[in-house]
């Protein structure tokens, strides 16, 4: 910038005040609280999921058997397709 440069204008909203230490501490506490809350919710969902898997174990086995059957059928179809081509 030379001597003929225009003066720097102030921002339209006015100058913002710098962050205070107390504001930063509150943000850190809020972030810690959110992480703790997400940890509790995550453990709750994990325990609920494992409980439901164990409660519905016979249905889970049927689902796995069906998935294995579909995967084997698609594998056989893909094998026959590659032999044909």
N, C-alpha and C. Protein backbone atom coordinates (compact mmCIF):
# COMPACT_ATOMS: atom_id res chain seq x y z
N UNK A 1 0.85 -1.15 0.00
CA UNK A 1 0.00 0.00 0.00
C UNK A 1 0.90 1.23 0.00
N UNK A 2 0.62 2.11 -0.89
CA UNK A 2 1.40 3.33 -0.98
C UNK A 2 0.72 4.46 -0.22
N UNK A 3 1.26 5.64 -0.39
CA UNK A 3 0.70 6.81 0.28
C UNK A 3 -0.64 7.21 -0.31
N UNK A 4 -0.88 6.82 -1.56
CA UNK A 4 -2.13 7.21 -2.20
C UNK A 4 -3.25 6.19 -2.00
N UNK A 5 -3.02 5.17 -1.17
CA UNK A 5 -4.03 4.14 -0.93
C UNK A 5 -5.18 4.72 -0.11
N UNK A 6 -6.43 4.28 -0.40
CA UNK A 6 -7.56 4.79 0.37
C UNK A 6 -7.51 4.29 1.80
N UNK A 7 -8.16 4.99 2.69
CA UNK A 7 -8.20 4.61 4.10
C UNK A 7 -9.01 3.33 4.26
N UNK A 8 -8.63 2.54 5.20
CA UNK A 8 -9.34 1.29 5.47
C UNK A 8 -10.66 1.62 6.14
N UNK A 9 -11.74 1.06 5.57
CA UNK A 9 -13.06 1.35 6.11
C UNK A 9 -13.36 0.43 7.28
N UNK A 10 -14.19 0.91 8.17
CA UNK A 10 -14.64 0.09 9.29
C UNK A 10 -15.71 -0.87 8.79
N UNK A 11 -15.81 -2.05 9.38
CA UNK A 11 -16.88 -2.98 8.98
C UNK A 11 -18.25 -2.36 9.23
N UNK A 12 -19.24 -2.79 8.43
CA UNK A 12 -20.58 -2.22 8.50
C UNK A 12 -21.21 -2.42 9.89
N UNK A 13 -20.99 -3.56 10.49
CA UNK A 13 -21.61 -3.85 11.78
C UNK A 13 -20.84 -3.27 12.95
N UNK A 14 -19.80 -2.60 12.69
CA UNK A 14 -18.98 -2.08 13.78
C UNK A 14 -17.97 -3.13 14.19
N UNK A 15 -17.00 -2.72 14.94
CA UNK A 15 -15.96 -3.65 15.36
C UNK A 15 -16.52 -4.60 16.42
N UNK A 16 -16.21 -5.86 16.25
CA UNK A 16 -16.67 -6.86 17.22
C UNK A 16 -15.72 -6.85 18.41
N UNK A 17 -16.27 -7.12 19.57
CA UNK A 17 -15.45 -7.19 20.76
C UNK A 17 -14.70 -8.52 20.76
N UNK A 18 -13.48 -8.51 21.23
CA UNK A 18 -12.74 -9.78 21.29
C UNK A 18 -13.40 -10.73 22.28
N UNK A 19 -13.21 -12.03 22.03
CA UNK A 19 -13.80 -13.03 22.91
C UNK A 19 -13.16 -12.94 24.28
N UNK A 20 -13.97 -13.04 25.29
CA UNK A 20 -13.47 -13.04 26.65
C UNK A 20 -13.15 -14.46 27.08
N UNK A 21 -12.36 -14.56 28.08
CA UNK A 21 -11.98 -15.87 28.58
C UNK A 21 -13.20 -16.64 29.10
N UNK A 22 -14.14 -15.95 29.73
CA UNK A 22 -15.32 -16.62 30.27
C UNK A 22 -16.20 -17.18 29.15
N UNK A 23 -16.28 -16.48 28.03
CA UNK A 23 -17.06 -16.98 26.90
C UNK A 23 -16.44 -18.25 26.35
N UNK A 24 -15.12 -18.25 26.25
CA UNK A 24 -14.44 -19.42 25.73
C UNK A 24 -14.59 -20.59 26.69
N UNK A 25 -14.58 -20.33 27.98
CA UNK A 25 -14.74 -21.40 28.96
C UNK A 25 -16.14 -21.99 28.87
N UNK A 26 -17.15 -21.16 28.66
CA UNK A 26 -18.53 -21.67 28.54
C UNK A 26 -18.66 -22.53 27.29
N UNK A 27 -18.02 -22.12 26.18
CA UNK A 27 -18.08 -22.92 24.96
C UNK A 27 -17.42 -24.27 25.17
N UNK A 28 -16.31 -24.28 25.89
CA UNK A 28 -15.63 -25.54 26.18
C UNK A 28 -16.47 -26.44 27.06
N UNK A 29 -17.15 -25.87 28.05
CA UNK A 29 -18.01 -26.67 28.91
C UNK A 29 -19.20 -27.20 28.13
N UNK A 30 -19.74 -26.38 27.25
CA UNK A 30 -20.89 -26.81 26.44
C UNK A 30 -20.46 -27.94 25.51
N UNK A 31 -19.26 -27.82 24.92
CA UNK A 31 -18.77 -28.86 24.03
C UNK A 31 -18.55 -30.16 24.79
N UNK A 32 -18.02 -30.06 26.00
CA UNK A 32 -17.81 -31.24 26.83
C UNK A 32 -19.15 -31.87 27.20
N UNK A 33 -20.14 -31.06 27.50
CA UNK A 33 -21.47 -31.58 27.84
C UNK A 33 -22.07 -32.30 26.64
N UNK A 34 -21.92 -31.73 25.44
CA UNK A 34 -22.47 -32.37 24.25
C UNK A 34 -21.79 -33.72 24.00
N UNK A 35 -20.47 -33.77 24.19
CA UNK A 35 -19.76 -35.03 23.99
C UNK A 35 -20.22 -36.07 25.01
N UNK A 36 -20.40 -35.65 26.26
CA UNK A 36 -20.87 -36.58 27.29
C UNK A 36 -22.27 -37.08 26.96
N UNK A 37 -23.14 -36.18 26.52
CA UNK A 37 -24.50 -36.56 26.17
C UNK A 37 -24.50 -37.54 24.99
N UNK A 38 -23.67 -37.28 23.99
CA UNK A 38 -23.59 -38.19 22.84
C UNK A 38 -23.03 -39.55 23.28
N UNK A 39 -22.10 -39.56 24.24
CA UNK A 39 -21.56 -40.81 24.76
C UNK A 39 -22.65 -41.62 25.43
N UNK A 40 -23.47 -40.97 26.26
CA UNK A 40 -24.56 -41.66 26.95
C UNK A 40 -25.58 -42.19 25.94
N UNK A 41 -25.95 -41.37 24.96
CA UNK A 41 -26.91 -41.81 23.94
C UNK A 41 -26.35 -42.97 23.13
N UNK A 42 -25.05 -42.90 22.79
CA UNK A 42 -24.42 -43.98 22.03
C UNK A 42 -24.43 -45.30 22.78
N UNK A 43 -24.08 -45.25 24.09
CA UNK A 43 -24.13 -46.47 24.88
C UNK A 43 -25.55 -47.01 25.00
N UNK A 44 -26.53 -46.12 25.14
CA UNK A 44 -27.93 -46.56 25.23
C UNK A 44 -28.35 -47.28 23.95
N UNK A 45 -28.02 -46.70 22.80
CA UNK A 45 -28.40 -47.32 21.52
C UNK A 45 -27.67 -48.64 21.34
N UNK A 46 -26.40 -48.70 21.73
CA UNK A 46 -25.63 -49.94 21.62
C UNK A 46 -26.24 -51.04 22.48
N UNK A 47 -26.56 -50.73 23.71
CA UNK A 47 -27.16 -51.73 24.61
C UNK A 47 -28.53 -52.16 24.11
N UNK A 48 -29.32 -51.20 23.62
CA UNK A 48 -30.64 -51.54 23.07
C UNK A 48 -30.51 -52.46 21.86
N UNK A 49 -29.55 -52.16 20.98
CA UNK A 49 -29.36 -52.99 19.79
C UNK A 49 -28.93 -54.40 20.12
N UNK A 50 -27.98 -54.54 21.03
CA UNK A 50 -27.52 -55.88 21.42
C UNK A 50 -28.65 -56.64 22.11
N UNK A 51 -29.41 -55.95 22.94
CA UNK A 51 -30.54 -56.60 23.62
C UNK A 51 -31.57 -57.11 22.61
N UNK A 52 -31.88 -56.29 21.62
CA UNK A 52 -32.88 -56.71 20.62
C UNK A 52 -32.35 -57.85 19.76
N UNK A 53 -31.05 -57.84 19.45
CA UNK A 53 -30.48 -58.96 18.68
C UNK A 53 -30.61 -60.25 19.48
N UNK A 54 -30.30 -60.18 20.77
CA UNK A 54 -30.41 -61.39 21.59
C UNK A 54 -31.86 -61.81 21.79
N UNK A 55 -32.75 -60.85 21.92
CA UNK A 55 -34.17 -61.18 22.11
C UNK A 55 -34.78 -61.80 20.86
N UNK A 56 -34.34 -61.35 19.70
CA UNK A 56 -34.88 -61.84 18.44
C UNK A 56 -33.88 -62.73 17.71
N UNK A 57 -33.12 -63.51 18.46
CA UNK A 57 -32.02 -64.26 17.86
C UNK A 57 -32.50 -65.22 16.76
N UNK A 58 -33.63 -65.88 16.95
CA UNK A 58 -34.11 -66.81 15.93
C UNK A 58 -34.42 -66.08 14.62
N UNK A 59 -34.96 -64.87 14.72
CA UNK A 59 -35.22 -64.10 13.51
C UNK A 59 -33.92 -63.62 12.86
N UNK A 60 -32.93 -63.31 13.68
CA UNK A 60 -31.64 -62.88 13.15
C UNK A 60 -30.98 -64.03 12.38
N UNK A 61 -31.08 -65.23 12.91
CA UNK A 61 -30.52 -66.40 12.23
C UNK A 61 -31.22 -66.62 10.90
N UNK A 62 -32.53 -66.48 10.88
CA UNK A 62 -33.29 -66.62 9.63
C UNK A 62 -32.86 -65.56 8.62
N UNK A 63 -32.65 -64.34 9.10
CA UNK A 63 -32.20 -63.26 8.22
C UNK A 63 -30.82 -63.56 7.63
N UNK A 64 -29.90 -64.06 8.47
CA UNK A 64 -28.57 -64.41 7.98
C UNK A 64 -28.63 -65.55 6.97
N UNK A 65 -29.46 -66.54 7.26
CA UNK A 65 -29.61 -67.66 6.32
C UNK A 65 -30.15 -67.18 4.98
N UNK A 66 -31.13 -66.29 5.04
CA UNK A 66 -31.67 -65.75 3.80
C UNK A 66 -30.64 -64.93 3.04
N UNK A 67 -29.85 -64.14 3.76
CA UNK A 67 -28.81 -63.33 3.10
C UNK A 67 -27.75 -64.22 2.48
N UNK A 68 -27.35 -65.28 3.19
CA UNK A 68 -26.35 -66.20 2.63
C UNK A 68 -26.91 -66.89 1.39
N UNK A 69 -28.17 -67.27 1.44
CA UNK A 69 -28.79 -67.90 0.27
C UNK A 69 -28.81 -66.96 -0.93
N UNK A 70 -29.17 -65.69 -0.70
CA UNK A 70 -29.20 -64.73 -1.81
C UNK A 70 -27.80 -64.48 -2.37
N UNK A 71 -26.81 -64.40 -1.49
CA UNK A 71 -25.42 -64.18 -1.95
C UNK A 71 -24.93 -65.37 -2.77
N UNK A 72 -25.23 -66.58 -2.31
CA UNK A 72 -24.83 -67.76 -3.07
C UNK A 72 -25.55 -67.84 -4.42
N UNK A 73 -26.83 -67.48 -4.44
CA UNK A 73 -27.57 -67.49 -5.70
C UNK A 73 -26.99 -66.47 -6.68
N UNK A 74 -26.68 -65.29 -6.20
CA UNK A 74 -26.07 -64.28 -7.08
C UNK A 74 -24.68 -64.70 -7.53
N UNK A 75 -23.93 -65.35 -6.63
CA UNK A 75 -22.61 -65.85 -7.02
C UNK A 75 -22.71 -66.90 -8.11
N UNK A 76 -23.66 -67.81 -7.97
CA UNK A 76 -23.87 -68.82 -9.01
C UNK A 76 -24.30 -68.20 -10.32
N UNK A 77 -25.20 -67.21 -10.25
CA UNK A 77 -25.65 -66.53 -11.46
C UNK A 77 -24.48 -65.81 -12.14
N UNK A 78 -23.62 -65.18 -11.37
CA UNK A 78 -22.46 -64.48 -11.92
C UNK A 78 -21.49 -65.48 -12.55
N UNK A 79 -21.31 -66.64 -11.91
CA UNK A 79 -20.43 -67.66 -12.46
C UNK A 79 -20.95 -68.17 -13.79
N UNK A 80 -22.26 -68.45 -13.86
CA UNK A 80 -22.84 -68.92 -15.13
C UNK A 80 -22.77 -67.83 -16.21
N UNK A 81 -22.91 -66.57 -15.81
CA UNK A 81 -22.83 -65.47 -16.78
C UNK A 81 -21.42 -65.36 -17.34
N UNK A 82 -20.41 -65.51 -16.49
CA UNK A 82 -19.03 -65.41 -16.99
C UNK A 82 -18.66 -66.60 -17.85
N UNK A 83 -19.23 -67.80 -17.57
CA UNK A 83 -18.99 -68.95 -18.42
C UNK A 83 -19.63 -68.79 -19.79
N UNK A 84 -20.80 -68.16 -19.82
CA UNK A 84 -21.52 -67.98 -21.06
C UNK A 84 -20.83 -66.96 -21.96
N UNK A 85 -20.19 -65.98 -21.35
CA UNK A 85 -19.57 -64.91 -22.12
C UNK A 85 -18.23 -65.29 -22.55
